[in-house]
Amino acid sequence: MEGVIEISSREFREKQKAYLDLADSGAQIILKRGRKQAYKLTPVDDDSDFVITPELEKRLEEGRREYREGKAISCKTKEELHRFLDSL
């Protein structure tokens, strides 16, 4: 299947199975939500980068702990972020 199929959130709700089947077959489905938001409907498989392994879960929890302990760096503006990145 080629091309991009754009649908509204209402269309998706009404025909979920059909659009999920199209995504499974390789179609690019763009789900529009209002005028400014859009989402790409993509199947997640066993080879996907989206799988959270036990090792990744452990690293995520370590990061959450460090954040709670105040060991994280916070940048509130774009300029602060640029200064931090330039300092690395």
PDB file of N, CA and C in Angstrom:
ATOM      1  N   MET A   1       0.852  -1.179   0.000  1.00  0.00           N
ATOM      2  CA  MET A   1       0.000   0.000   0.000  1.00  0.00           C
ATOM      3  C   MET A   1       0.888   1.230   0.000  1.00  0.00           C
ATOM      4  N   GLU A   2       0.607   2.171  -0.866  1.00  0.00           N
ATOM      5  CA  GLU A   2       1.404   3.380  -0.974  1.00  0.00           C
ATOM      6  C   GLU A   2       0.565   4.596  -0.652  1.00  0.00           C
ATOM      7  N   GLY A   3       1.249   5.708  -0.401  1.00  0.00           N
ATOM      8  CA  GLY A   3       0.557   6.951  -0.134  1.00  0.00           C
ATOM      9  C   GLY A   3       0.257   7.130   1.336  1.00  0.00           C
ATOM     10  N   VAL A   4      -0.244   8.307   1.625  1.00  0.00           N
ATOM     11  CA  VAL A   4      -0.580   8.668   2.996  1.00  0.00           C
ATOM     12  C   VAL A   4      -2.085   8.845   3.077  1.00  0.00           C
ATOM     13  N   ILE A   5      -2.673   8.267   4.105  1.00  0.00           N
ATOM     14  CA  ILE A   5      -4.108   8.392   4.326  1.00  0.00           C
ATOM     15  C   ILE A   5      -4.308   9.279   5.546  1.00  0.00           C
ATOM     16  N   GLU A   6      -4.959  10.433   5.352  1.00  0.00           N
ATOM     17  CA  GLU A   6      -5.256  11.330   6.462  1.00  0.00           C
ATOM     18  C   GLU A   6      -6.710  11.145   6.860  1.00  0.00           C
ATOM     19  N   ILE A   7      -6.920  10.961   8.164  1.00  0.00           N
ATOM     20  CA  ILE A   7      -8.278  10.759   8.669  1.00  0.00           C
ATOM     21  C   ILE A   7      -8.489  11.624   9.905  1.00  0.00           C
ATOM     22  N   SER A   8      -9.735  11.921  10.192  1.00  0.00           N
ATOM     23  CA  SER A   8     -10.062  12.665  11.408  1.00  0.00           C
ATOM     24  C   SER A   8     -10.201  11.687  12.570  1.00  0.00           C
ATOM     25  N   SER A   9     -10.147  12.228  13.777  1.00  0.00           N
ATOM     26  CA  SER A   9     -10.317  11.357  14.942  1.00  0.00           C
ATOM     27  C   SER A   9     -11.701  10.712  14.925  1.00  0.00           C
ATOM     28  N   ARG A  10     -12.681  11.416  14.404  1.00  0.00           N
ATOM     29  CA  ARG A  10     -14.032  10.852  14.306  1.00  0.00           C
ATOM     30  C   ARG A  10     -14.057   9.665  13.346  1.00  0.00           C
ATOM     31  N   GLU A  11     -13.417   9.826  12.172  1.00  0.00           N
ATOM     32  CA  GLU A  11     -13.340   8.721  11.214  1.00  0.00           C
ATOM     33  C   GLU A  11     -12.658   7.513  11.841  1.00  0.00           C
ATOM     34  N   PHE A  12     -11.579   7.783  12.598  1.00  0.00           N
ATOM     35  CA  PHE A  12     -10.851   6.689  13.231  1.00  0.00           C
ATOM     36  C   PHE A  12     -11.737   5.952  14.232  1.00  0.00           C
ATOM     37  N   ARG A  13     -12.473   6.694  15.055  1.00  0.00           N
ATOM     38  CA  ARG A  13     -13.361   6.056  16.035  1.00  0.00           C
ATOM     39  C   ARG A  13     -14.405   5.184  15.345  1.00  0.00           C
ATOM     40  N   GLU A  14     -14.923   5.668  14.219  1.00  0.00           N
ATOM     41  CA  GLU A  14     -15.982   4.941  13.525  1.00  0.00           C
ATOM     42  C   GLU A  14     -15.479   3.682  12.816  1.00  0.00           C
ATOM     43  N   LYS A  15     -14.210   3.681  12.383  1.00  0.00           N
ATOM     44  CA  LYS A  15     -13.690   2.559  11.589  1.00  0.00           C
ATOM     45  C   LYS A  15     -12.312   2.119  12.086  1.00  0.00           C
ATOM     46  N   GLN A  16     -12.166   1.998  13.403  1.00  0.00           N
ATOM     47  CA  GLN A  16     -10.863   1.651  13.977  1.00  0.00           C
ATOM     48  C   GLN A  16     -10.249   0.413  13.354  1.00  0.00           C
ATOM     49  N   LYS A  17     -11.002  -0.665  13.293  1.00  0.00           N
ATOM     50  CA  LYS A  17     -10.451  -1.925  12.790  1.00  0.00           C
ATOM     51  C   LYS A  17      -9.911  -1.769  11.373  1.00  0.00           C
ATOM     52  N   ALA A  18     -10.653  -1.097  10.525  1.00  0.00           N
ATOM     53  CA  ALA A  18     -10.219  -0.926   9.136  1.00  0.00           C
ATOM     54  C   ALA A  18      -8.903  -0.152   9.062  1.00  0.00           C
ATOM     55  N   TYR A  19      -8.779   0.913   9.851  1.00  0.00           N
ATOM     56  CA  TYR A  19      -7.549   1.709   9.804  1.00  0.00           C
ATOM     57  C   TYR A  19      -6.379   0.984  10.461  1.00  0.00           C
ATOM     58  N   LEU A  20      -6.640   0.227  11.510  1.00  0.00           N
ATOM     59  CA  LEU A  20      -5.567  -0.569  12.117  1.00  0.00           C
ATOM     60  C   LEU A  20      -5.090  -1.643  11.146  1.00  0.00           C
ATOM     61  N   ASP A  21      -6.022  -2.259  10.428  1.00  0.00           N
ATOM     62  CA  ASP A  21      -5.640  -3.256   9.418  1.00  0.00           C
ATOM     63  C   ASP A  21      -4.802  -2.617   8.312  1.00  0.00           C
ATOM     64  N   LEU A  22      -5.177  -1.412   7.890  1.00  0.00           N
ATOM     65  CA  LEU A  22      -4.394  -0.716   6.869  1.00  0.00           C
ATOM     66  C   LEU A  22      -2.981  -0.417   7.372  1.00  0.00           C
ATOM     67  N   ALA A  23      -2.870   0.031   8.615  1.00  0.00           N
ATOM     68  CA  ALA A  23      -1.547   0.305   9.194  1.00  0.00           C
ATOM     69  C   ALA A  23      -0.728  -0.975   9.263  1.00  0.00           C
ATOM     70  N   ASP A  24      -1.372  -2.084   9.629  1.00  0.00           N
ATOM     71  CA  ASP A  24      -0.673  -3.378   9.673  1.00  0.00           C
ATOM     72  C   ASP A  24      -0.156  -3.786   8.298  1.00  0.00           C
ATOM     73  N   SER A  25      -0.866  -3.374   7.247  1.00  0.00           N
ATOM     74  CA  SER A  25      -0.454  -3.752   5.892  1.00  0.00           C
ATOM     75  C   SER A  25       0.585  -2.791   5.312  1.00  0.00           C
ATOM     76  N   GLY A  26       0.978  -1.785   6.091  1.00  0.00           N
ATOM     77  CA  GLY A  26       2.035  -0.885   5.648  1.00  0.00           C
ATOM     78  C   GLY A  26       1.585   0.501   5.237  1.00  0.00           C
ATOM     79  N   ALA A  27       0.295   0.771   5.298  1.00  0.00           N
ATOM     80  CA  ALA A  27      -0.188   2.105   4.934  1.00  0.00           C
ATOM     81  C   ALA A  27       0.263   3.127   5.970  1.00  0.00           C
ATOM     82  N   GLN A  28       0.515   4.333   5.499  1.00  0.00           N
ATOM     83  CA  GLN A  28       0.852   5.430   6.399  1.00  0.00           C
ATOM     84  C   GLN A  28      -0.443   6.145   6.754  1.00  0.00           C
ATOM     85  N   ILE A  29      -0.854   6.021   8.005  1.00  0.00           N
ATOM     86  CA  ILE A  29      -2.108   6.610   8.462  1.00  0.00           C
ATOM     87  C   ILE A  29      -1.777   7.813   9.341  1.00  0.00           C
ATOM     88  N   ILE A  30      -2.296   8.980   8.971  1.00  0.00           N
ATOM     89  CA  ILE A  30      -2.133  10.188   9.769  1.00  0.00           C
ATOM     90  C   ILE A  30      -3.489  10.520  10.371  1.00  0.00           C
ATOM     91  N   LEU A  31      -3.546  10.544  11.681  1.00  0.00           N
ATOM     92  CA  LEU A  31      -4.770  10.834  12.419  1.00  0.00           C
ATOM     93  C   LEU A  31      -4.752  12.307  12.801  1.00  0.00           C
ATOM     94  N   LYS A  32      -5.660  13.080  12.219  1.00  0.00           N
ATOM     95  CA  LYS A  32      -5.722  14.519  12.471  1.00  0.00           C
ATOM     96  C   LYS A  32      -6.644  14.784  13.652  1.00  0.00           C
ATOM     97  N   ARG A  33      -6.182  15.653  14.538  1.00  0.00           N
ATOM     98  CA  ARG A  33      -6.986  16.055  15.696  1.00  0.00           C
ATOM     99  C   ARG A  33      -7.054  17.573  15.687  1.00  0.00           C
ATOM    100  N   GLY A  34      -8.144  18.098  15.213  1.00  0.00           N
ATOM    101  CA  GLY A  34      -8.252  19.545  15.053  1.00  0.00           C
ATOM    102  C   GLY A  34      -7.366  20.010  13.910  1.00  0.00           C
ATOM    103  N   ARG A  35      -7.001  21.280  13.958  1.00  0.00           N
ATOM    104  CA  ARG A  35      -6.197  21.841  12.870  1.00  0.00           C
ATOM    105  C   ARG A  35      -4.702  21.729  13.101  1.00  0.00           C
ATOM    106  N   LYS A  36      -4.277  21.665  14.355  1.00  0.00           N
ATOM    107  CA  LYS A  36      -2.850  21.772  14.642  1.00  0.00           C
ATOM    108  C   LYS A  36      -2.192  20.486  15.111  1.00  0.00           C
ATOM    109  N   GLN A  37      -2.962  19.465  15.408  1.00  0.00           N
ATOM    110  CA  GLN A  37      -2.363  18.241  15.929  1.00  0.00           C
ATOM    111  C   GLN A  37      -2.579  17.087  14.967  1.00  0.00           C
ATOM    112  N   ALA A  38      -1.543  16.253  14.847  1.00  0.00           N
ATOM    113  CA  ALA A  38      -1.631  15.066  13.997  1.00  0.00           C
ATOM    114  C   ALA A  38      -0.769  13.972  14.605  1.00  0.00           C
ATOM    115  N   TYR A  39      -1.157  12.737  14.368  1.00  0.00           N
ATOM    116  CA  TYR A  39      -0.455  11.580  14.921  1.00  0.00           C
ATOM    117  C   TYR A  39      -0.288  10.547  13.819  1.00  0.00           C
ATOM    118  N   LYS A  40       0.823   9.842  13.861  1.00  0.00           N
ATOM    119  CA  LYS A  40       1.070   8.786  12.884  1.00  0.00           C
ATOM    120  C   LYS A  40       0.724   7.452  13.531  1.00  0.00           C
ATOM    121  N   LEU A  41      -0.125   6.688  12.884  1.00  0.00           N
ATOM    122  CA  LEU A  41      -0.538   5.382  13.385  1.00  0.00           C
ATOM    123  C   LEU A  41       0.464   4.348  12.888  1.00  0.00           C
ATOM    124  N   THR A  42       1.235   3.782  13.803  1.00  0.00           N
ATOM    125  CA  THR A  42       2.311   2.860  13.451  1.00  0.00           C
ATOM    126  C   THR A  42       2.229   1.607  14.304  1.00  0.00           C
ATOM    127  N   PRO A  43       2.234   0.428  13.696  1.00  0.00           N
ATOM    128  CA  PRO A  43       2.218  -0.798  14.492  1.00  0.00           C
ATOM    129  C   PRO A  43       3.543  -0.976  15.246  1.00  0.00           C
ATOM    130  N   VAL A  44       3.463  -1.541  16.420  1.00  0.00           N
ATOM    131  CA  VAL A  44       4.646  -1.859  17.219  1.00  0.00           C
ATOM    132  C   VAL A  44       4.829  -3.366  17.165  1.00  0.00           C
ATOM    133  N   ASP A  45       6.018  -3.797  16.738  1.00  0.00           N
ATOM    134  CA  ASP A  45       6.269  -5.232  16.663  1.00  0.00           C
ATOM    135  C   ASP A  45       7.403  -5.618  17.606  1.00  0.00           C
ATOM    136  N   ASP A  46       7.766  -6.889  17.602  1.00  0.00           N
ATOM    137  CA  ASP A  46       8.801  -7.385  18.507  1.00  0.00           C
ATOM    138  C   ASP A  46      10.164  -6.776  18.226  1.00  0.00           C
ATOM    139  N   ASP A  47      10.411  -6.328  16.999  1.00  0.00           N
ATOM    140  CA  ASP A  47      11.692  -5.726  16.642  1.00  0.00           C
ATOM    141  C   ASP A  47      11.707  -4.221  16.879  1.00  0.00           C
ATOM    142  N   SER A  48      10.638  -3.699  17.423  1.00  0.00           N
ATOM    143  CA  SER A  48      10.497  -2.262  17.584  1.00  0.00           C
ATOM    144  C   SER A  48      11.442  -1.709  18.643  1.00  0.00           C
ATOM    145  N   ASP A  49      11.831  -0.466  18.451  1.00  0.00           N
ATOM    146  CA  ASP A  49      12.654   0.229  19.439  1.00  0.00           C
ATOM    147  C   ASP A  49      11.827   0.666  20.644  1.00  0.00           C
ATOM    148  N   PHE A  50      10.525   0.446  20.613  1.00  0.00           N
ATOM    149  CA  PHE A  50       9.648   0.917  21.666  1.00  0.00           C
ATOM    150  C   PHE A  50       9.478  -0.083  22.802  1.00  0.00           C
ATOM    151  N   VAL A  51      10.166  -1.191  22.745  1.00  0.00           N
ATOM    152  CA  VAL A  51      10.045  -2.212  23.779  1.00  0.00           C
ATOM    153  C   VAL A  51      10.870  -1.792  24.993  1.00  0.00           C
ATOM    154  N   ILE A  52      10.258  -1.812  26.153  1.00  0.00           N
ATOM    155  CA  ILE A  52      10.966  -1.469  27.388  1.00  0.00           C
ATOM    156  C   ILE A  52      11.453  -2.761  28.019  1.00  0.00           C
ATOM    157  N   THR A  53      12.750  -2.964  27.941  1.00  0.00           N
ATOM    158  CA  THR A  53      13.370  -4.159  28.503  1.00  0.00           C
ATOM    159  C   THR A  53      13.570  -3.965  30.001  1.00  0.00           C
ATOM    160  N   PRO A  54      13.826  -5.042  30.745  1.00  0.00           N
ATOM    161  CA  PRO A  54      14.118  -4.889  32.176  1.00  0.00           C
ATOM    162  C   PRO A  54      15.312  -3.962  32.425  1.00  0.00           C
ATOM    163  N   GLU A  55      16.320  -4.018  31.551  1.00  0.00           N
ATOM    164  CA  GLU A  55      17.483  -3.147  31.709  1.00  0.00           C
ATOM    165  C   GLU A  55      17.099  -1.679  31.531  1.00  0.00           C
ATOM    166  N   LEU A  56      16.265  -1.411  30.521  1.00  0.00           N
ATOM    167  CA  LEU A  56      15.821  -0.040  30.292  1.00  0.00           C
ATOM    168  C   LEU A  56      14.959   0.438  31.446  1.00  0.00           C
ATOM    169  N   GLU A  57      14.072  -0.411  31.941  1.00  0.00           N
ATOM    170  CA  GLU A  57      13.225  -0.047  33.080  1.00  0.00           C
ATOM    171  C   GLU A  57      14.084   0.316  34.283  1.00  0.00           C
ATOM    172  N   LYS A  58      15.167  -0.425  34.506  1.00  0.00           N
ATOM    173  CA  LYS A  58      16.078  -0.136  35.619  1.00  0.00           C
ATOM    174  C   LYS A  58      16.728   1.239  35.434  1.00  0.00           C
ATOM    175  N   ARG A  59      17.187   1.528  34.207  1.00  0.00           N
ATOM    176  CA  ARG A  59      17.813   2.825  33.939  1.00  0.00           C
ATOM    177  C   ARG A  59      16.816   3.964  34.089  1.00  0.00           C
ATOM    178  N   LEU A  60      15.586   3.744  33.656  1.00  0.00           N
ATOM    179  CA  LEU A  60      14.552   4.765  33.816  1.00  0.00           C
ATOM    180  C   LEU A  60      14.288   5.045  35.288  1.00  0.00           C
ATOM    181  N   GLU A  61      14.217   3.999  36.087  1.00  0.00           N
ATOM    182  CA  GLU A  61      13.980   4.182  37.522  1.00  0.00           C
ATOM    183  C   GLU A  61      15.153   4.905  38.177  1.00  0.00           C
ATOM    184  N   GLU A  62      16.381   4.593  37.754  1.00  0.00           N
ATOM    185  CA  GLU A  62      17.548   5.306  38.285  1.00  0.00           C
ATOM    186  C   GLU A  62      17.459   6.796  37.954  1.00  0.00           C
ATOM    187  N   GLY A  63      17.040   7.111  36.739  1.00  0.00           N
ATOM    188  CA  GLY A  63      16.874   8.506  36.340  1.00  0.00           C
ATOM    189  C   GLY A  63      15.790   9.201  37.146  1.00  0.00           C
ATOM    190  N   ARG A  64      14.689   8.508  37.389  1.00  0.00           N
ATOM    191  CA  ARG A  64      13.616   9.084  38.216  1.00  0.00           C
ATOM    192  C   ARG A  64      14.103   9.353  39.631  1.00  0.00           C
ATOM    193  N   ARG A  65      14.887   8.414  40.182  1.00  0.00           N
ATOM    194  CA  ARG A  65      15.427   8.577  41.535  1.00  0.00           C
ATOM    195  C   ARG A  65      16.363   9.784  41.582  1.00  0.00           C
ATOM    196  N   GLU A  66      17.262   9.888  40.612  1.00  0.00           N
ATOM    197  CA  GLU A  66      18.183  11.024  40.570  1.00  0.00           C
ATOM    198  C   GLU A  66      17.415  12.340  40.457  1.00  0.00           C
ATOM    199  N   TYR A  67      16.344  12.342  39.680  1.00  0.00           N
ATOM    200  CA  TYR A  67      15.530  13.547  39.546  1.00  0.00           C
ATOM    201  C   TYR A  67      14.903  13.922  40.886  1.00  0.00           C
ATOM    202  N   ARG A  68      14.330  12.934  41.578  1.00  0.00           N
ATOM    203  CA  ARG A  68      13.717  13.194  42.888  1.00  0.00           C
ATOM    204  C   ARG A  68      14.739  13.713  43.888  1.00  0.00           C
ATOM    205  N   GLU A  69      15.979  13.242  43.781  1.00  0.00           N
ATOM    206  CA  GLU A  69      17.040  13.653  44.697  1.00  0.00           C
ATOM    207  C   GLU A  69      17.678  14.982  44.294  1.00  0.00           C
ATOM    208  N   GLY A  70      17.189  15.597  43.244  1.00  0.00           N
ATOM    209  CA  GLY A  70      17.717  16.889  42.821  1.00  0.00           C
ATOM    210  C   GLY A  70      19.024  16.808  42.062  1.00  0.00           C
ATOM    211  N   LYS A  71      19.346  15.656  41.530  1.00  0.00           N
ATOM    212  CA  LYS A  71      20.606  15.474  40.807  1.00  0.00           C
ATOM    213  C   LYS A  71      20.455  15.712  39.304  1.00  0.00           C
ATOM    214  N   ALA A  72      19.332  16.229  38.891  1.00  0.00           N
ATOM    215  CA  ALA A  72      19.087  16.474  37.468  1.00  0.00           C
ATOM    216  C   ALA A  72      19.350  17.940  37.139  1.00  0.00           C
ATOM    217  N   ILE A  73      19.642  18.208  35.897  1.00  0.00           N
ATOM    218  CA  ILE A  73      19.849  19.574  35.432  1.00  0.00           C
ATOM    219  C   ILE A  73      18.560  20.039  34.770  1.00  0.00           C
ATOM    220  N   SER A  74      18.120  21.224  35.137  1.00  0.00           N
ATOM    221  CA  SER A  74      16.886  21.767  34.588  1.00  0.00           C
ATOM    222  C   SER A  74      17.197  23.031  33.797  1.00  0.00           C
ATOM    223  N   CYS A  75      16.692  23.098  32.588  1.00  0.00           N
ATOM    224  CA  CYS A  75      16.852  24.279  31.739  1.00  0.00           C
ATOM    225  C   CYS A  75      15.455  24.812  31.447  1.00  0.00           C
ATOM    226  N   LYS A  76      15.207  26.043  31.876  1.00  0.00           N
ATOM    227  CA  LYS A  76      13.870  26.601  31.716  1.00  0.00           C
ATOM    228  C   LYS A  76      13.693  27.369  30.406  1.00  0.00           C
ATOM    229  N   THR A  77      14.793  27.764  29.797  1.00  0.00           N
ATOM    230  CA  THR A  77      14.697  28.494  28.534  1.00  0.00           C
ATOM    231  C   THR A  77      15.590  27.835  27.490  1.00  0.00           C
ATOM    232  N   LYS A  78      15.352  28.207  26.256  1.00  0.00           N
ATOM    233  CA  LYS A  78      16.170  27.691  25.165  1.00  0.00           C
ATOM    234  C   LYS A  78      17.623  28.140  25.336  1.00  0.00           C
ATOM    235  N   GLU A  79      17.808  29.377  25.810  1.00  0.00           N
ATOM    236  CA  GLU A  79      19.159  29.896  26.001  1.00  0.00           C
ATOM    237  C   GLU A  79      19.904  29.099  27.068  1.00  0.00           C
ATOM    238  N   GLU A  80      19.222  28.775  28.172  1.00  0.00           N
ATOM    239  CA  GLU A  80      19.844  27.953  29.224  1.00  0.00           C
ATOM    240  C   GLU A  80      20.255  26.595  28.666  1.00  0.00           C
ATOM    241  N   LEU A  81      19.406  26.015  27.860  1.00  0.00           N
ATOM    242  CA  LEU A  81      19.717  24.717  27.261  1.00  0.00           C
ATOM    243  C   LEU A  81      20.944  24.819  26.362  1.00  0.00           C
ATOM    244  N   HIS A  82      21.003  25.868  25.546  1.00  0.00           N
ATOM    245  CA  HIS A  82      22.160  26.041  24.661  1.00  0.00           C
ATOM    246  C   HIS A  82      23.444  26.227  25.468  1.00  0.00           C
ATOM    247  N   ARG A  83      23.389  27.031  26.542  1.00  0.00           N
ATOM    248  CA  ARG A  83      24.584  27.218  27.383  1.00  0.00           C
ATOM    249  C   ARG A  83      25.029  25.891  27.974  1.00  0.00           C
ATOM    250  N   PHE A  84      24.064  25.100  28.452  1.00  0.00           N
ATOM    251  CA  PHE A  84      24.417  23.805  29.033  1.00  0.00           C
ATOM    252  C   PHE A  84      25.056  22.899  27.986  1.00  0.00           C
ATOM    253  N   LEU A  85      24.441  22.799  26.824  1.00  0.00           N
ATOM    254  CA  LEU A  85      24.975  21.926  25.778  1.00  0.00           C
ATOM    255  C   LEU A  85      26.348  22.397  25.305  1.00  0.00           C
ATOM    256  N   ASP A  86      26.550  23.706  25.220  1.00  0.00           N
ATOM    257  CA  ASP A  86      27.861  24.236  24.824  1.00  0.00           C
ATOM    258  C   ASP A  86      28.929  23.925  25.860  1.00  0.00           C
ATOM    259  N   SER A  87      28.517  23.759  27.121  1.00  0.00           N
ATOM    260  CA  SER A  87      29.496  23.493  28.185  1.00  0.00           C
ATOM    261  C   SER A  87      29.969  22.044  28.199  1.00  0.00           C
ATOM    262  N   LEU A  88      29.298  21.179  27.481  1.00  0.00           N
ATOM    263  CA  LEU A  88      29.679  19.761  27.484  1.00  0.00           C
ATOM    264  C   LEU A  88      30.909  19.487  26.654  1.00  0.00           C
TER     265      LEU A  88
END
